[in-house]
């Protein structure tokens, strides 16, 4: 099973961004998604942002993933 998770964009450097979830920051490519800005939430899969997502939807998804034990936030 492949799983993309919501992450928050913290910093943008060209086509790469620092993204964060659960206190963990990593770099990800944002080349596949248009108009990504600092503060946006994106779905991250295999190091690539694949879609922007609404903040409330992202927070609810992360809560549900934590509830079923997939993420420890």
PDB file of N, CA and C in Angstrom:
ATOM      1  N   UNK A   1       0.836  -1.169   0.000  1.00  0.00           N
ATOM      2  CA  UNK A   1       0.000   0.000   0.000  1.00  0.00           C
ATOM      3  C   UNK A   1       0.884   1.237   0.000  1.00  0.00           C
ATOM      4  N   UNK A   2       0.541   2.195  -0.822  1.00  0.00           N
ATOM      5  CA  UNK A   2       1.237   3.479  -0.863  1.00  0.00           C
ATOM      6  C   UNK A   2       0.409   4.499  -0.098  1.00  0.00           C
ATOM      7  N   UNK A   3       1.075   5.362   0.622  1.00  0.00           N
ATOM      8  CA  UNK A   3       0.366   6.332   1.439  1.00  0.00           C
ATOM      9  C   UNK A   3       0.996   7.705   1.266  1.00  0.00           C
ATOM     10  N   UNK A   4       0.191   8.669   0.886  1.00  0.00           N
ATOM     11  CA  UNK A   4       0.627  10.059   0.860  1.00  0.00           C
ATOM     12  C   UNK A   4       0.086  10.730   2.107  1.00  0.00           C
ATOM     13  N   UNK A   5       0.897  11.569   2.742  1.00  0.00           N
ATOM     14  CA  UNK A   5       0.449  12.221   3.967  1.00  0.00           C
ATOM     15  C   UNK A   5       0.501  13.737   3.811  1.00  0.00           C
ATOM     16  N   UNK A   6      -0.375  14.439   4.514  1.00  0.00           N
ATOM     17  CA  UNK A   6      -0.347  15.899   4.469  1.00  0.00           C
ATOM     18  C   UNK A   6       0.858  16.443   5.235  1.00  0.00           C
ATOM     19  N   UNK A   7       1.515  17.423   4.649  1.00  0.00           N
ATOM     20  CA  UNK A   7       2.632  18.114   5.291  1.00  0.00           C
ATOM     21  C   UNK A   7       2.460  19.609   5.065  1.00  0.00           C
ATOM     22  N   UNK A   8       3.041  20.397   5.950  1.00  0.00           N
ATOM     23  CA  UNK A   8       2.954  21.853   5.821  1.00  0.00           C
ATOM     24  C   UNK A   8       4.250  22.387   5.235  1.00  0.00           C
ATOM     25  N   UNK A   9       4.128  23.260   4.251  1.00  0.00           N
ATOM     26  CA  UNK A   9       5.289  23.872   3.602  1.00  0.00           C
ATOM     27  C   UNK A   9       5.833  24.960   4.517  1.00  0.00           C
ATOM     28  N   UNK A  10       7.106  24.843   4.885  1.00  0.00           N
ATOM     29  CA  UNK A  10       7.746  25.792   5.797  1.00  0.00           C
ATOM     30  C   UNK A  10       8.676  26.765   5.088  1.00  0.00           C
ATOM     31  N   UNK A  11       9.307  26.313   3.991  1.00  0.00           N
ATOM     32  CA  UNK A  11      10.271  27.147   3.287  1.00  0.00           C
ATOM     33  C   UNK A  11      10.365  26.649   1.853  1.00  0.00           C
ATOM     34  N   UNK A  12      10.486  27.558   0.904  1.00  0.00           N
ATOM     35  CA  UNK A  12      10.586  27.180  -0.506  1.00  0.00           C
ATOM     36  C   UNK A  12      11.912  27.668  -1.069  1.00  0.00           C
ATOM     37  N   UNK A  13      12.596  26.756  -1.760  1.00  0.00           N
ATOM     38  CA  UNK A  13      13.872  27.055  -2.405  1.00  0.00           C
ATOM     39  C   UNK A  13      13.794  26.535  -3.831  1.00  0.00           C
ATOM     40  N   UNK A  14      13.305  27.359  -4.752  1.00  0.00           N
ATOM     41  CA  UNK A  14      13.139  26.917  -6.136  1.00  0.00           C
ATOM     42  C   UNK A  14      12.041  25.875  -6.244  1.00  0.00           C
ATOM     43  N   UNK A  15      12.384  24.694  -6.765  1.00  0.00           N
ATOM     44  CA  UNK A  15      11.388  23.628  -6.898  1.00  0.00           C
ATOM     45  C   UNK A  15      11.414  22.666  -5.710  1.00  0.00           C
ATOM     46  N   UNK A  16      12.175  23.015  -4.677  1.00  0.00           N
ATOM     47  CA  UNK A  16      12.239  22.199  -3.463  1.00  0.00           C
ATOM     48  C   UNK A  16      11.665  22.997  -2.295  1.00  0.00           C
ATOM     49  N   UNK A  17      11.164  22.275  -1.316  1.00  0.00           N
ATOM     50  CA  UNK A  17      10.602  22.932  -0.133  1.00  0.00           C
ATOM     51  C   UNK A  17      10.964  22.148   1.113  1.00  0.00           C
ATOM     52  N   UNK A  18      11.099  22.858   2.213  1.00  0.00           N
ATOM     53  CA  UNK A  18      11.161  22.213   3.517  1.00  0.00           C
ATOM     54  C   UNK A  18       9.718  22.027   3.952  1.00  0.00           C
ATOM     55  N   UNK A  19       9.352  20.783   4.261  1.00  0.00           N
ATOM     56  CA  UNK A  19       7.993  20.479   4.690  1.00  0.00           C
ATOM     57  C   UNK A  19       8.045  19.816   6.059  1.00  0.00           C
ATOM     58  N   UNK A  20       6.951  19.957   6.825  1.00  0.00           N
ATOM     59  CA  UNK A  20       6.957  19.466   8.207  1.00  0.00           C
ATOM     60  C   UNK A  20       5.642  18.795   8.546  1.00  0.00           C
ATOM     61  N   UNK A  21       5.761  17.727   9.294  1.00  0.00           N
ATOM     62  CA  UNK A  21       4.606  17.107   9.929  1.00  0.00           C
ATOM     63  C   UNK A  21       5.086  16.403  11.185  1.00  0.00           C
ATOM     64  N   UNK A  22       4.319  16.526  12.241  1.00  0.00           N
ATOM     65  CA  UNK A  22       4.662  15.866  13.495  1.00  0.00           C
ATOM     66  C   UNK A  22       6.010  16.264  14.060  1.00  0.00           C
ATOM     67  N   UNK A  23       6.465  17.479  13.773  1.00  0.00           N
ATOM     68  CA  UNK A  23       7.748  17.941  14.286  1.00  0.00           C
ATOM     69  C   UNK A  23       8.943  17.492  13.465  1.00  0.00           C
ATOM     70  N   UNK A  24       8.716  16.757  12.395  1.00  0.00           N
ATOM     71  CA  UNK A  24       9.791  16.282  11.529  1.00  0.00           C
ATOM     72  C   UNK A  24       9.801  17.113  10.252  1.00  0.00           C
ATOM     73  N   UNK A  25      10.967  17.660   9.918  1.00  0.00           N
ATOM     74  CA  UNK A  25      11.122  18.456   8.707  1.00  0.00           C
ATOM     75  C   UNK A  25      11.991  17.691   7.723  1.00  0.00           C
ATOM     76  N   UNK A  26      11.597  17.764   6.444  1.00  0.00           N
ATOM     77  CA  UNK A  26      12.392  17.136   5.393  1.00  0.00           C
ATOM     78  C   UNK A  26      12.235  17.945   4.124  1.00  0.00           C
ATOM     79  N   UNK A  27      13.057  17.656   3.134  1.00  0.00           N
ATOM     80  CA  UNK A  27      12.946  18.332   1.856  1.00  0.00           C
ATOM     81  C   UNK A  27      12.072  17.517   0.924  1.00  0.00           C
ATOM     82  N   UNK A  28      11.326  18.226   0.083  1.00  0.00           N
ATOM     83  CA  UNK A  28      10.448  17.579  -0.885  1.00  0.00           C
ATOM     84  C   UNK A  28      10.403  18.414  -2.151  1.00  0.00           C
ATOM     85  N   UNK A  29      10.189  17.745  -3.264  1.00  0.00           N
ATOM     86  CA  UNK A  29      10.015  18.436  -4.527  1.00  0.00           C
ATOM     87  C   UNK A  29       8.590  18.972  -4.621  1.00  0.00           C
ATOM     88  N   UNK A  30       8.465  20.221  -5.034  1.00  0.00           N
ATOM     89  CA  UNK A  30       7.143  20.803  -5.272  1.00  0.00           C
ATOM     90  C   UNK A  30       6.935  21.074  -6.761  1.00  0.00           C
ATOM     91  N   UNK A  31       7.779  20.482  -7.592  1.00  0.00           N
ATOM     92  CA  UNK A  31       7.747  20.730  -9.035  1.00  0.00           C
ATOM     93  C   UNK A  31       6.451  20.277  -9.699  1.00  0.00           C
ATOM     94  N   UNK A  32       5.740  19.329  -9.099  1.00  0.00           N
ATOM     95  CA  UNK A  32       4.531  18.783  -9.712  1.00  0.00           C
ATOM     96  C   UNK A  32       3.259  19.547  -9.370  1.00  0.00           C
ATOM     97  N   UNK A  33       3.359  20.509  -8.459  1.00  0.00           N
ATOM     98  CA  UNK A  33       2.166  21.230  -7.988  1.00  0.00           C
ATOM     99  C   UNK A  33       2.355  22.727  -8.229  1.00  0.00           C
ATOM    100  N   UNK A  34       1.358  23.351  -8.824  1.00  0.00           N
ATOM    101  CA  UNK A  34       1.428  24.775  -9.119  1.00  0.00           C
ATOM    102  C   UNK A  34       1.057  25.633  -7.915  1.00  0.00           C
ATOM    103  N   UNK A  35       1.642  26.806  -7.852  1.00  0.00           N
ATOM    104  CA  UNK A  35       1.286  27.847  -6.882  1.00  0.00           C
ATOM    105  C   UNK A  35       1.382  27.405  -5.425  1.00  0.00           C
ATOM    106  N   UNK A  36       2.416  26.662  -5.082  1.00  0.00           N
ATOM    107  CA  UNK A  36       2.627  26.281  -3.684  1.00  0.00           C
ATOM    108  C   UNK A  36       3.293  27.449  -2.973  1.00  0.00           C
ATOM    109  N   UNK A  37       2.771  27.792  -1.798  1.00  0.00           N
ATOM    110  CA  UNK A  37       3.301  28.894  -1.003  1.00  0.00           C
ATOM    111  C   UNK A  37       3.603  28.399   0.416  1.00  0.00           C
ATOM    112  N   UNK A  38       4.479  29.132   1.086  1.00  0.00           N
ATOM    113  CA  UNK A  38       4.772  28.831   2.487  1.00  0.00           C
ATOM    114  C   UNK A  38       3.466  28.890   3.264  1.00  0.00           C
ATOM    115  N   UNK A  39       3.231  27.877   4.095  1.00  0.00           N
ATOM    116  CA  UNK A  39       2.001  27.794   4.881  1.00  0.00           C
ATOM    117  C   UNK A  39       0.962  26.868   4.273  1.00  0.00           C
ATOM    118  N   UNK A  40       1.102  26.545   2.975  1.00  0.00           N
ATOM    119  CA  UNK A  40       0.175  25.603   2.338  1.00  0.00           C
ATOM    120  C   UNK A  40       0.402  24.194   2.867  1.00  0.00           C
ATOM    121  N   UNK A  41      -0.632  23.392   2.786  1.00  0.00           N
ATOM    122  CA  UNK A  41      -0.516  21.957   3.042  1.00  0.00           C
ATOM    123  C   UNK A  41      -0.540  21.245   1.701  1.00  0.00           C
ATOM    124  N   UNK A  42       0.327  20.246   1.561  1.00  0.00           N
ATOM    125  CA  UNK A  42       0.368  19.430   0.351  1.00  0.00           C
ATOM    126  C   UNK A  42       0.383  17.962   0.761  1.00  0.00           C
ATOM    127  N   UNK A  43      -0.028  17.105  -0.159  1.00  0.00           N
ATOM    128  CA  UNK A  43       0.096  15.665   0.060  1.00  0.00           C
ATOM    129  C   UNK A  43       1.477  15.259  -0.428  1.00  0.00           C
ATOM    130  N   UNK A  44       2.255  14.613   0.450  1.00  0.00           N
ATOM    131  CA  UNK A  44       3.603  14.187   0.134  1.00  0.00           C
ATOM    132  C   UNK A  44       3.619  12.682  -0.098  1.00  0.00           C
ATOM    133  N   UNK A  45       4.195  12.291  -1.223  1.00  0.00           N
ATOM    134  CA  UNK A  45       4.332  10.861  -1.546  1.00  0.00           C
ATOM    135  C   UNK A  45       5.707  10.652  -2.165  1.00  0.00           C
ATOM    136  N   UNK A  46       6.504   9.816  -1.554  1.00  0.00           N
ATOM    137  CA  UNK A  46       7.830   9.444  -2.065  1.00  0.00           C
ATOM    138  C   UNK A  46       8.701  10.667  -2.361  1.00  0.00           C
ATOM    139  N   UNK A  47       8.609  11.679  -1.500  1.00  0.00           N
ATOM    140  CA  UNK A  47       9.451  12.852  -1.647  1.00  0.00           C
ATOM    141  C   UNK A  47       8.928  13.925  -2.583  1.00  0.00           C
ATOM    142  N   UNK A  48       7.725  13.713  -3.120  1.00  0.00           N
ATOM    143  CA  UNK A  48       7.133  14.668  -4.052  1.00  0.00           C
ATOM    144  C   UNK A  48       5.785  15.156  -3.528  1.00  0.00           C
ATOM    145  N   UNK A  49       5.573  16.459  -3.569  1.00  0.00           N
ATOM    146  CA  UNK A  49       4.241  17.009  -3.319  1.00  0.00           C
ATOM    147  C   UNK A  49       3.416  16.675  -4.557  1.00  0.00           C
ATOM    148  N   UNK A  50       2.250  16.061  -4.347  1.00  0.00           N
ATOM    149  CA  UNK A  50       1.447  15.644  -5.497  1.00  0.00           C
ATOM    150  C   UNK A  50       0.128  16.399  -5.601  1.00  0.00           C
ATOM    151  N   UNK A  51      -0.229  17.151  -4.546  1.00  0.00           N
ATOM    152  CA  UNK A  51      -1.498  17.878  -4.568  1.00  0.00           C
ATOM    153  C   UNK A  51      -1.560  18.831  -3.387  1.00  0.00           C
ATOM    154  N   UNK A  52      -2.134  20.021  -3.603  1.00  0.00           N
ATOM    155  CA  UNK A  52      -2.423  20.904  -2.479  1.00  0.00           C
ATOM    156  C   UNK A  52      -3.683  20.397  -1.793  1.00  0.00           C
ATOM    157  N   UNK A  53      -3.781  20.663  -0.487  1.00  0.00           N
ATOM    158  CA  UNK A  53      -4.944  20.217   0.272  1.00  0.00           C
ATOM    159  C   UNK A  53      -5.322  21.323   1.266  1.00  0.00           C
ATOM    160  N   UNK A  54      -6.615  21.440   1.519  1.00  0.00           N
ATOM    161  CA  UNK A  54      -7.143  22.405   2.470  1.00  0.00           C
ATOM    162  C   UNK A  54      -6.584  22.122   3.869  1.00  0.00           C
ATOM    163  N   UNK A  55      -6.283  23.174   4.617  1.00  0.00           N
ATOM    164  CA  UNK A  55      -5.696  23.022   5.951  1.00  0.00           C
ATOM    165  C   UNK A  55      -6.561  22.173   6.881  1.00  0.00           C
ATOM    166  N   UNK A  56      -7.853  22.416   6.914  1.00  0.00           N
ATOM    167  CA  UNK A  56      -8.729  21.645   7.797  1.00  0.00           C
ATOM    168  C   UNK A  56      -8.767  20.169   7.402  1.00  0.00           C
ATOM    169  N   UNK A  57      -8.783  19.892   6.094  1.00  0.00           N
ATOM    170  CA  UNK A  57      -8.740  18.500   5.630  1.00  0.00           C
ATOM    171  C   UNK A  57      -7.423  17.838   6.024  1.00  0.00           C
ATOM    172  N   UNK A  58      -6.325  18.585   5.909  1.00  0.00           N
ATOM    173  CA  UNK A  58      -5.013  18.052   6.278  1.00  0.00           C
ATOM    174  C   UNK A  58      -4.968  17.712   7.764  1.00  0.00           C
ATOM    175  N   UNK A  59      -5.452  18.612   8.591  1.00  0.00           N
ATOM    176  CA  UNK A  59      -5.435  18.385  10.041  1.00  0.00           C
ATOM    177  C   UNK A  59      -6.296  17.187  10.413  1.00  0.00           C
ATOM    178  N   UNK A  60      -7.470  17.070   9.808  1.00  0.00           N
ATOM    179  CA  UNK A  60      -8.348  15.933  10.093  1.00  0.00           C
ATOM    180  C   UNK A  60      -7.724  14.623   9.624  1.00  0.00           C
ATOM    181  N   UNK A  61      -7.098  14.631   8.462  1.00  0.00           N
ATOM    182  CA  UNK A  61      -6.434  13.424   7.963  1.00  0.00           C
ATOM    183  C   UNK A  61      -5.318  12.999   8.900  1.00  0.00           C
ATOM    184  N   UNK A  62      -4.506  13.945   9.345  1.00  0.00           N
ATOM    185  CA  UNK A  62      -3.420  13.616  10.275  1.00  0.00           C
ATOM    186  C   UNK A  62      -3.968  13.076  11.594  1.00  0.00           C
ATOM    187  N   UNK A  63      -5.064  13.650  12.062  1.00  0.00           N
ATOM    188  CA  UNK A  63      -5.685  13.155  13.303  1.00  0.00           C
ATOM    189  C   UNK A  63      -6.142  11.709  13.139  1.00  0.00           C
ATOM    190  N   UNK A  64      -6.771  11.427  12.007  1.00  0.00           N
ATOM    191  CA  UNK A  64      -7.246  10.066  11.760  1.00  0.00           C
ATOM    192  C   UNK A  64      -6.092   9.073  11.611  1.00  0.00           C
ATOM    193  N   UNK A  65      -5.028   9.490  10.935  1.00  0.00           N
ATOM    194  CA  UNK A  65      -3.866   8.602  10.795  1.00  0.00           C
ATOM    195  C   UNK A  65      -3.239   8.306  12.149  1.00  0.00           C
ATOM    196  N   UNK A  66      -3.197   9.312  13.011  1.00  0.00           N
ATOM    197  CA  UNK A  66      -2.681   9.096  14.358  1.00  0.00           C
ATOM    198  C   UNK A  66      -3.584   8.156  15.138  1.00  0.00           C
ATOM    199  N   UNK A  67      -4.886   8.335  14.990  1.00  0.00           N
ATOM    200  CA  UNK A  67      -5.861   7.513  15.718  1.00  0.00           C
ATOM    201  C   UNK A  67      -5.732   6.026  15.378  1.00  0.00           C
ATOM    202  N   UNK A  68      -5.446   5.723  14.112  1.00  0.00           N
ATOM    203  CA  UNK A  68      -5.331   4.314  13.724  1.00  0.00           C
ATOM    204  C   UNK A  68      -3.897   3.809  13.820  1.00  0.00           C
ATOM    205  N   UNK A  69      -2.981   4.682  14.300  1.00  0.00           N
ATOM    206  CA  UNK A  69      -1.627   4.237  14.591  1.00  0.00           C
ATOM    207  C   UNK A  69      -0.653   4.283  13.431  1.00  0.00           C
ATOM    208  N   UNK A  70      -0.991   4.960  12.347  1.00  0.00           N
ATOM    209  CA  UNK A  70      -0.062   5.047  11.215  1.00  0.00           C
ATOM    210  C   UNK A  70       0.957   6.137  11.437  1.00  0.00           C
ATOM    211  N   UNK A  71       0.557   7.236  12.022  1.00  0.00           N
ATOM    212  CA  UNK A  71       1.474   8.349  12.317  1.00  0.00           C
ATOM    213  C   UNK A  71       1.445   8.621  13.810  1.00  0.00           C
ATOM    214  N   UNK A  72       2.608   8.952  14.345  1.00  0.00           N
ATOM    215  CA  UNK A  72       2.688   9.376  15.742  1.00  0.00           C
ATOM    216  C   UNK A  72       2.983  10.860  15.780  1.00  0.00           C
ATOM    217  N   UNK A  73       1.932  11.649  15.892  1.00  0.00           N
ATOM    218  CA  UNK A  73       2.117  13.100  15.857  1.00  0.00           C
ATOM    219  C   UNK A  73       2.120  13.655  17.218  1.00  0.00           C
TER     220      UNK A  73
END
